[in-house]
Protein backbone atom coordinates (compact mmCIF):
# COMPACT_ATOMS: atom_id res chain seq x y z
CA UNK A 1 -67.54 28.89 -5.38
CA UNK A 2 -67.54 25.26 -4.33
CA UNK A 3 -64.29 23.33 -4.23
CA UNK A 4 -65.59 20.77 -6.75
CA UNK A 5 -66.22 23.54 -9.26
CA UNK A 6 -62.78 25.03 -8.69
CA UNK A 7 -61.05 21.74 -9.46
CA UNK A 8 -63.33 21.09 -12.41
CA UNK A 9 -62.49 24.47 -13.96
CA UNK A 10 -58.78 23.92 -13.26
CA UNK A 11 -58.97 20.47 -14.88
CA UNK A 12 -60.75 21.87 -17.96
CA UNK A 13 -58.15 24.63 -18.33
CA UNK A 14 -55.27 22.15 -18.08
CA UNK A 15 -56.83 19.68 -20.55
CA UNK A 16 -57.65 22.47 -23.01
CA UNK A 17 -53.96 23.37 -23.37
CA UNK A 18 -52.27 19.99 -22.98
CA UNK A 19 -48.94 20.82 -24.65
CA UNK A 20 -48.58 24.18 -22.91
CA UNK A 21 -49.38 22.60 -19.56
CA UNK A 22 -46.85 19.80 -20.13
CA UNK A 23 -44.12 22.28 -21.02
CA UNK A 24 -45.05 24.29 -17.92
CA UNK A 25 -44.71 21.18 -15.77
CA UNK A 26 -41.36 20.23 -17.30
CA UNK A 27 -39.27 22.29 -14.90
CA UNK A 28 -41.10 20.79 -11.90
CA UNK A 29 -40.82 17.27 -13.31
CA UNK A 30 -37.07 17.58 -13.95
CA UNK A 31 -36.45 19.29 -10.61
CA UNK A 32 -38.32 16.73 -8.49
CA UNK A 33 -36.85 13.79 -10.43
CA UNK A 34 -33.31 15.14 -10.15
CA UNK A 35 -33.65 15.78 -6.41
CA UNK A 36 -34.89 12.22 -5.81
CA UNK A 37 -32.04 10.70 -7.83
CA UNK A 38 -29.35 12.84 -6.17
CA UNK A 39 -30.63 12.17 -2.64
CA UNK A 40 -30.97 8.43 -3.38
CA UNK A 41 -27.36 8.26 -4.62
CA UNK A 42 -26.12 10.25 -1.62
CA UNK A 43 -28.06 8.12 0.87
CA UNK A 44 -26.83 5.00 -0.88
CA UNK A 45 -23.23 6.19 -0.60
CA UNK A 46 -23.68 6.82 3.12
CA UNK A 47 -25.27 3.39 3.61
CA UNK A 48 -22.45 1.76 1.65
CA UNK A 49 -19.80 3.52 3.74
CA UNK A 50 -21.56 2.54 6.96
CA UNK A 51 -21.84 -1.05 5.80
CA UNK A 52 -18.17 -1.18 4.93
CA UNK A 53 -17.20 0.33 8.27
CA UNK A 54 -19.44 -2.18 10.05
CA UNK A 55 -17.66 -4.94 8.13
CA UNK A 56 -14.54 -4.06 10.12
CA UNK A 57 -16.27 -5.53 13.14
CA UNK A 58 -18.85 -4.77 15.79
CA UNK A 59 -17.91 -2.21 18.47
CA UNK A 60 -14.39 -2.09 17.07
CA UNK A 61 -11.78 0.02 18.84
CA UNK A 62 -8.36 0.39 17.19
CA UNK A 63 -5.05 1.47 18.66
CA UNK A 64 -2.66 3.06 16.16
CA UNK A 65 0.93 4.30 16.52
CA UNK A 66 1.24 7.90 17.64
CA UNK A 67 2.66 11.06 16.11
CA UNK A 68 6.35 11.91 16.11
CA UNK A 69 7.27 15.60 16.37
CA UNK A 70 10.63 17.05 15.48
CA UNK A 71 11.43 20.69 16.25
CA UNK A 72 7.71 21.29 16.75
CA UNK A 73 6.81 19.81 13.36
CA UNK A 74 4.45 16.81 13.23
CA UNK A 75 5.72 13.93 11.12
CA UNK A 76 2.12 12.68 10.63
CA UNK A 77 -0.05 9.96 12.08
CA UNK A 78 1.66 6.60 12.63
CA UNK A 79 5.14 8.10 12.42
CA UNK A 80 6.04 6.96 15.94
CA UNK A 81 5.25 3.51 17.31
CA UNK A 82 5.94 1.87 20.64
CA UNK A 83 3.12 -0.65 20.54
CA UNK A 84 4.32 -4.08 21.64
CA UNK A 85 3.17 -7.53 22.69
CA UNK A 86 3.64 -6.40 26.29
CA UNK A 87 0.94 -3.78 25.70
CA UNK A 88 -1.37 -6.50 24.37
CA UNK A 89 -0.75 -8.72 27.40
CA UNK A 90 -1.30 -5.82 29.79
CA UNK A 91 -4.62 -4.98 28.09
CA UNK A 92 -5.69 -8.63 28.40
CA UNK A 93 -4.83 -8.71 32.11
CA UNK A 94 -6.26 -5.36 33.19
CA UNK A 95 -9.08 -4.37 30.83
CA UNK A 96 -12.67 -4.92 31.93
CA UNK A 97 -14.47 -3.31 28.98
CA UNK A 98 -12.93 -5.34 26.14
CA UNK A 99 -14.25 -8.66 24.82
CA UNK A 100 -11.49 -9.26 22.29
CA UNK A 101 -7.88 -8.13 21.80
CA UNK A 102 -5.56 -8.90 18.91
CA UNK A 103 -2.16 -7.53 17.96
CA UNK A 104 -1.66 -6.83 14.26
CA UNK A 105 1.76 -7.28 12.69
CA UNK A 106 1.54 -6.20 9.07
CA UNK A 107 4.07 -6.76 6.32
CA UNK A 108 4.01 -7.05 2.55
CA UNK A 109 5.30 -10.20 0.89
CA UNK A 110 5.27 -12.32 -2.26
CA UNK A 111 3.26 -15.50 -1.80
CA UNK A 112 4.23 -18.44 -4.02
CA UNK A 113 1.97 -21.45 -4.34
CA UNK A 114 -0.50 -23.31 -6.49
CA UNK A 115 -0.20 -22.19 -10.12
CA UNK A 116 1.27 -18.71 -9.59
CA UNK A 117 2.59 -16.11 -7.16
CA UNK A 118 0.91 -13.05 -5.71
CA UNK A 119 2.10 -9.92 -3.89
CA UNK A 120 -0.13 -9.30 -0.90
CA UNK A 121 -0.38 -8.13 2.71
CA UNK A 122 0.42 -10.58 5.48
CA UNK A 123 -1.21 -9.93 8.86
CA UNK A 124 0.03 -11.53 12.03
CA UNK A 125 -2.91 -11.73 14.43
CA UNK A 126 -4.21 -13.61 17.47
CA UNK A 127 -7.09 -16.05 17.83
CA UNK A 128 -9.46 -13.15 18.73
CA UNK A 129 -9.07 -11.54 15.30
CA UNK A 130 -11.95 -13.31 13.55
CA UNK A 131 -14.44 -12.60 16.35
CA UNK A 132 -13.39 -8.94 16.51
CA UNK A 133 -13.78 -8.55 12.75
CA UNK A 134 -16.84 -10.86 12.60
CA UNK A 135 -15.16 -12.61 9.72
CA UNK A 136 -16.03 -16.32 9.42
CA UNK A 137 -14.05 -18.95 7.55
CA UNK A 138 -15.48 -20.44 4.38
CA UNK A 139 -13.46 -23.64 4.84
CA UNK A 140 -10.77 -25.16 7.05
CA UNK A 141 -9.99 -23.98 10.55
CA UNK A 142 -8.25 -21.13 12.34
CA UNK A 143 -4.97 -21.46 14.21
CA UNK A 144 -4.89 -21.94 18.00
CA UNK A 145 -3.23 -20.25 20.96
CA UNK A 146 -0.69 -23.08 20.87
CA UNK A 147 0.19 -22.11 17.28
CA UNK A 148 0.76 -18.52 18.42
CA UNK A 149 2.98 -19.55 21.33
CA UNK A 150 5.06 -21.97 19.23
CA UNK A 151 5.33 -19.71 16.15
CA UNK A 152 3.74 -22.36 13.96
CA UNK A 153 4.06 -21.75 10.23
CA UNK A 154 0.38 -21.97 9.28
CA UNK A 155 -1.77 -19.43 7.46
CA UNK A 156 -5.30 -18.50 6.35
CA UNK A 157 -5.84 -17.22 2.79
CA UNK A 158 -8.25 -14.52 1.64
CA UNK A 159 -10.48 -15.15 -1.36
CA UNK A 160 -8.31 -13.06 -3.71
CA UNK A 161 -5.32 -15.28 -2.98
CA UNK A 162 -7.40 -18.40 -3.51
CA UNK A 163 -8.69 -17.18 -6.90
CA UNK A 164 -5.20 -16.35 -8.13
CA UNK A 165 -3.16 -19.19 -6.66
CA UNK A 166 -5.65 -22.07 -6.40
CA UNK A 167 -8.42 -21.32 -8.91
CA UNK A 168 -9.32 -24.98 -9.43
CA UNK A 169 -8.15 -26.64 -6.21
CA UNK A 170 -8.96 -26.53 -2.51
CA UNK A 171 -6.01 -24.71 -0.91
CA UNK A 172 -6.60 -26.21 2.55
CA UNK A 173 -3.72 -28.58 3.28
CA UNK A 174 -1.57 -27.10 0.50
CA UNK A 175 1.76 -25.38 1.08
CA UNK A 176 2.71 -21.83 0.10
CA UNK A 177 5.96 -19.92 0.50
CA UNK A 178 5.98 -16.43 2.00
CA UNK A 179 9.40 -14.81 1.59
CA UNK A 180 10.75 -18.31 1.05
CA UNK A 181 9.35 -19.45 4.40
CA UNK A 182 7.03 -22.47 3.93
CA UNK A 183 3.52 -22.11 5.41
CA UNK A 184 0.74 -24.67 5.49
CA UNK A 185 -2.70 -23.38 4.48
CA UNK A 186 -5.21 -24.48 7.14
CA UNK A 187 -8.20 -22.29 6.24
CA UNK A 188 -9.86 -19.88 3.81
CA UNK A 189 -11.63 -16.66 4.79
CA UNK A 190 -15.13 -15.88 3.54
CA UNK A 191 -15.43 -13.07 1.00
CA UNK A 192 -15.42 -9.57 2.52
CA UNK A 193 -15.21 -7.23 -0.48
CA UNK A 194 -13.80 -3.71 -0.63
CA UNK A 195 -13.55 -1.39 2.33
CA UNK A 196 -14.60 2.28 2.46
CA UNK A 197 -11.29 3.29 0.87
CA UNK A 198 -11.80 0.95 -2.08
CA UNK A 199 -9.13 -1.52 -0.90
CA UNK A 200 -9.65 -5.24 -1.42
CA UNK A 201 -10.11 -6.79 2.03
CA UNK A 202 -9.83 -10.30 0.56
CA UNK A 203 -6.27 -9.66 -0.66
CA UNK A 204 -4.81 -10.85 2.63
CA UNK A 205 -3.00 -13.67 4.41
CA UNK A 206 -3.50 -14.26 8.14
CA UNK A 207 -0.91 -16.06 10.27
CA UNK A 208 -0.03 -16.28 13.98
CA UNK A 209 1.26 -12.91 15.19
CA UNK A 210 4.42 -14.41 16.68
CA UNK A 211 5.26 -16.20 13.42
CA UNK A 212 4.90 -13.05 11.30
CA UNK A 213 6.70 -10.89 13.86
CA UNK A 214 9.80 -13.06 14.27
CA UNK A 215 10.06 -14.73 10.85
CA UNK A 216 8.74 -12.13 8.37
CA UNK A 217 8.43 -8.57 9.62
CA UNK A 218 11.85 -7.75 11.02
CA UNK A 219 10.25 -4.98 13.10
CA UNK A 220 10.72 -4.19 16.79
CA UNK A 221 7.10 -3.16 17.32
CA UNK A 222 3.65 -4.26 16.21
CA UNK A 223 1.62 -2.29 13.66
CA UNK A 224 -1.61 -1.80 15.64
CA UNK A 225 -3.91 -3.36 18.21
CA UNK A 226 -7.49 -4.38 17.41
CA UNK A 227 -10.00 -4.60 20.24
CA UNK A 228 -13.77 -4.85 20.60
CA UNK A 229 -15.99 -3.42 23.34
CA UNK A 230 -18.83 -5.35 24.94
CA UNK A 231 -21.44 -3.01 23.43
CA UNK A 232 -21.75 0.26 21.54
CA UNK A 233 -22.52 2.07 24.78
CA UNK A 234 -19.25 0.74 26.26
CA UNK A 235 -17.03 2.10 23.45
CA UNK A 236 -16.20 5.49 25.09
CA UNK A 237 -15.39 3.79 28.41
CA UNK A 238 -13.33 1.16 26.58
CA UNK A 239 -11.34 3.85 24.77
CA UNK A 240 -10.62 5.65 28.03
CA UNK A 241 -9.60 2.38 29.69
CA UNK A 242 -7.21 1.59 26.82
CA UNK A 243 -5.63 5.05 27.13
CA UNK A 244 -5.16 4.65 30.87
CA UNK A 245 -3.58 1.19 30.58
CA UNK A 246 -1.26 2.10 27.68
CA UNK A 247 -0.15 5.38 29.29
CA UNK A 248 0.86 3.38 32.35
CA UNK A 249 2.55 0.73 30.16
CA UNK A 250 4.52 3.40 28.27
CA UNK A 251 5.30 5.35 31.47
CA UNK A 252 3.77 8.58 30.14
CA UNK A 253 3.62 11.28 32.80
CA UNK A 254 0.56 13.41 33.45
CA UNK A 255 0.42 16.36 31.06
CA UNK A 256 2.41 14.56 28.35
CA UNK A 257 0.79 13.61 25.03
CA UNK A 258 -0.10 10.02 24.21
CA UNK A 259 2.36 8.20 21.96
CA UNK A 260 -0.54 6.24 20.45
CA UNK A 261 -3.97 6.97 18.97
CA UNK A 262 -7.24 5.27 19.91
CA UNK A 263 -10.10 5.33 17.37
CA UNK A 264 -13.43 3.57 16.90
CA UNK A 265 -15.21 2.77 13.63
CA UNK A 266 -17.62 5.68 14.05
CA UNK A 267 -14.72 8.12 14.15
CA UNK A 268 -13.13 6.41 11.15
CA UNK A 269 -16.34 6.80 9.15
CA UNK A 270 -17.24 10.34 10.25
CA UNK A 271 -15.07 12.18 7.73
CA UNK A 272 -16.20 10.08 4.76
CA UNK A 273 -19.86 10.30 5.80
CA UNK A 274 -19.67 14.05 6.37
CA UNK A 275 -18.13 14.53 2.93
CA UNK A 276 -20.86 12.41 1.36
CA UNK A 277 -23.57 14.31 3.25
CA UNK A 278 -22.25 17.68 2.08
CA UNK A 279 -22.04 16.45 -1.51
CA UNK A 280 -25.61 15.13 -1.29
CA UNK A 281 -26.88 18.49 -0.06
CA UNK A 282 -24.89 20.28 -2.77
CA UNK A 283 -26.20 18.05 -5.57
CA UNK A 284 -29.77 18.24 -4.27
CA UNK A 285 -29.50 22.04 -4.06
CA UNK A 286 -28.27 22.23 -7.64
CA UNK A 287 -31.13 19.97 -8.75
CA UNK A 288 -33.59 22.18 -6.84
CA UNK A 289 -32.76 25.07 -9.16
CA UNK A 290 -34.91 23.26 -11.72
CA UNK A 291 -37.84 23.66 -9.32
CA UNK A 292 -37.22 27.39 -9.20
CA UNK A 293 -37.11 27.53 -13.00
CA UNK A 294 -40.30 25.46 -13.12
CA UNK A 295 -42.00 27.86 -10.71
CA UNK A 296 -41.08 30.83 -12.89
CA UNK A 297 -42.51 28.94 -15.87
CA UNK A 298 -45.77 28.40 -13.99
CA UNK A 299 -46.00 32.10 -13.17
CA UNK A 300 -45.39 33.10 -16.79
CA UNK A 301 -48.00 30.70 -18.15
CA UNK A 302 -50.54 31.75 -15.53
CA UNK A 303 -50.00 35.40 -16.47
CA UNK A 304 -50.66 34.48 -20.11
CA UNK A 305 -53.73 32.55 -19.01
CA UNK A 306 -55.06 35.58 -17.10
CA UNK A 307 -54.65 37.74 -20.22
CA UNK A 308 -56.32 35.15 -22.46
CA UNK A 309 -59.26 34.71 -20.09
CA UNK A 310 -59.88 38.34 -19.19
CA UNK A 311 -63.38 38.34 -20.73
CA UNK A 312 -64.15 35.03 -18.99
CA UNK A 313 -63.16 36.62 -15.68
CA UNK A 314 -65.39 39.61 -16.42
CA UNK A 315 -68.35 37.30 -17.14
CA UNK A 316 -67.81 35.37 -13.90
CA UNK A 317 -67.66 38.57 -11.89
CA UNK A 318 -70.80 39.87 -13.63
CA UNK A 319 -72.59 36.65 -12.63
CA UNK A 320 -71.67 37.18 -8.99
CA UNK A 321 -68.19 35.71 -8.56
CA UNK A 322 -66.20 37.52 -5.90
CA UNK A 323 -62.57 38.58 -6.21
CA UNK A 324 -61.69 35.89 -3.69
CA UNK A 325 -63.30 33.25 -5.94
CA UNK A 326 -61.24 34.38 -8.93
CA UNK A 327 -58.06 34.40 -6.77
CA UNK A 328 -58.68 30.86 -5.49
CA UNK A 329 -59.59 29.62 -9.00
CA UNK A 330 -56.27 30.62 -10.56
CA UNK A 331 -54.32 29.62 -7.46
CA UNK A 332 -55.86 26.14 -7.61
CA UNK A 333 -54.85 25.82 -11.26
CA UNK A 334 -51.23 26.70 -10.42
CA UNK A 335 -51.14 24.26 -7.50
CA UNK A 336 -52.70 21.45 -9.56
CA UNK A 337 -50.09 21.94 -12.29
CA UNK A 338 -47.31 21.85 -9.68
CA UNK A 339 -48.60 18.77 -7.85
CA UNK A 340 -49.23 16.80 -11.04
CA UNK A 341 -45.74 17.76 -12.25
CA UNK A 342 -44.35 16.69 -8.87
CA UNK A 343 -46.08 13.30 -9.05
CA UNK A 344 -44.76 12.68 -12.56
CA UNK A 345 -41.31 13.76 -11.35
CA UNK A 346 -41.50 11.25 -8.50
CA UNK A 347 -42.33 8.40 -10.88
CA UNK A 348 -39.50 9.37 -13.24
CA UNK A 349 -37.09 9.99 -10.34
CA UNK A 350 -37.74 6.57 -8.78
CA UNK A 351 -37.40 4.93 -12.19
CA UNK A 352 -34.16 6.78 -12.93
CA UNK A 353 -32.80 5.78 -9.51
CA UNK A 354 -33.48 2.10 -10.18
CA UNK A 355 -31.86 2.37 -13.61
CA UNK A 356 -28.76 4.10 -12.19
CA UNK A 357 -28.43 1.42 -9.51
CA UNK A 358 -28.78 -1.39 -12.06
CA UNK A 359 -26.42 0.09 -14.66
CA UNK A 360 -23.66 1.36 -12.35
CA UNK A 361 -24.03 -1.17 -9.49
CA UNK A 362 -24.06 1.80 -7.10
CA UNK A 363 -25.99 1.47 -3.89
CA UNK A 364 -29.05 3.74 -4.02
CA UNK A 365 -31.52 4.30 -1.19
CA UNK A 366 -34.90 5.89 -1.88
CA UNK A 367 -36.03 7.68 1.26
CA UNK A 368 -39.87 7.77 1.50
CA UNK A 369 -39.79 11.14 3.25
CA UNK A 370 -38.07 12.61 0.18
CA UNK A 371 -41.08 11.65 -1.94
CA UNK A 372 -43.56 13.36 0.40
CA UNK A 373 -41.35 16.42 0.72
CA UNK A 374 -41.10 16.62 -3.08
CA UNK A 375 -44.90 16.70 -3.47
CA UNK A 376 -45.23 19.26 -0.66
CA UNK A 377 -42.50 21.41 -2.14
CA UNK A 378 -44.16 21.25 -5.55
CA UNK A 379 -47.40 22.51 -4.02
CA UNK A 380 -45.46 25.32 -2.29
CA UNK A 381 -43.92 26.30 -5.64
CA UNK A 382 -47.39 26.42 -7.17
CA UNK A 383 -48.74 28.62 -4.38
CA UNK A 384 -45.73 30.94 -4.37
CA UNK A 385 -45.47 31.48 -8.11
CA UNK A 386 -49.21 31.27 -8.79
CA UNK A 387 -50.17 33.87 -6.21
CA UNK A 388 -49.20 36.94 -8.26
CA UNK A 389 -51.09 35.91 -11.44
CA UNK A 390 -54.08 34.90 -9.31
CA UNK A 391 -54.04 38.24 -7.47
CA UNK A 392 -53.78 40.07 -10.79
CA UNK A 393 -56.85 38.18 -12.09
CA UNK A 394 -58.87 38.90 -8.95
CA UNK A 395 -58.08 42.64 -9.14
CA UNK A 396 -59.52 43.06 -12.66
CA UNK A 397 -62.35 45.55 -13.04
CA UNK A 398 -65.44 43.59 -14.22
CA UNK A 399 -66.54 46.28 -16.71
CA UNK A 400 -63.08 46.66 -18.24
CA UNK A 401 -62.71 42.89 -18.35
CA UNK A 402 -65.96 42.52 -20.29
CA UNK A 403 -64.80 45.15 -22.79
CA UNK A 404 -61.40 43.41 -23.29
CA UNK A 405 -60.76 42.12 -26.82
């Protein structure tokens, strides 16, 4: 039997029972659509996390305080710090893999100025901070090395501070008080948005590290050190170089554990991305159950179709149709139903993804390969679940089939 005839017969059978065919396709349609939506949301979440991590800066390498252990019990990350300005200066003198180095002195404080006051985080940093973070100013200027050396009381405001303290005025040139210490606002940061942990990156004040350290923090050590490598390929070498220099600075003997932790943005993102990836696979797997249900529906309807068309099969065999022709005929019908259902599911899935993105403001990413895989998988479902009914039809005895009422 020619292929054109096979598809024509399949088309006529599908059109003849429109409602039954649509209900048969429903499981495939829902399954394919759900898989596309779930994968798009998962891929969007991963892209969002990666974008937020990249917003920390290019080729970023961070040095955190180490872990304090008491009686063999870890007190947790960051529980022991010996990071100092001497470490920063030593890294600047001896490192060859780093293009930027900035100490970070962090403290919380109430900022008073403009029309209100606002509790925020104050970061003491160096002049390399903006280049490391790739964070431009929207107005004003950044402080200089001279400001750092002389502990000048100047600051840069994040957009959240500007919106709450100076909603109608330009804050540049204005004065604010941080813990009752007067600071002159010399610049405003561009908007950065939330980070991967949902924290507002614009709720921040930047000031010279020396000013924050000696006038606001009251600490003996700095909170962390931010650095950037020359390229992505240089990050592992840069991390090893930082470890070597800081171990020498802290006089750590061979065999002893580091009293600091070195991380890059890839390592920071790995846990969140892995969690998102697992959830995407889980959700897509759950959605795929609909495809299984749809396949079972196809098999049931095809079995009914074989019973209804027993006499038709007998007539075809009497006119010379071979068992293989009958097998292929019913198999083609099952595959056509699956593929058409898959195509409809793709259209609905893409539409639902766009609606979800528009309504929830979530980032969604439609992966083209998912669409092709969905159609291929639909065809596989049709072949798998249509094979038994097709084989049953091809095994009918022509004489008995002609006598069937």
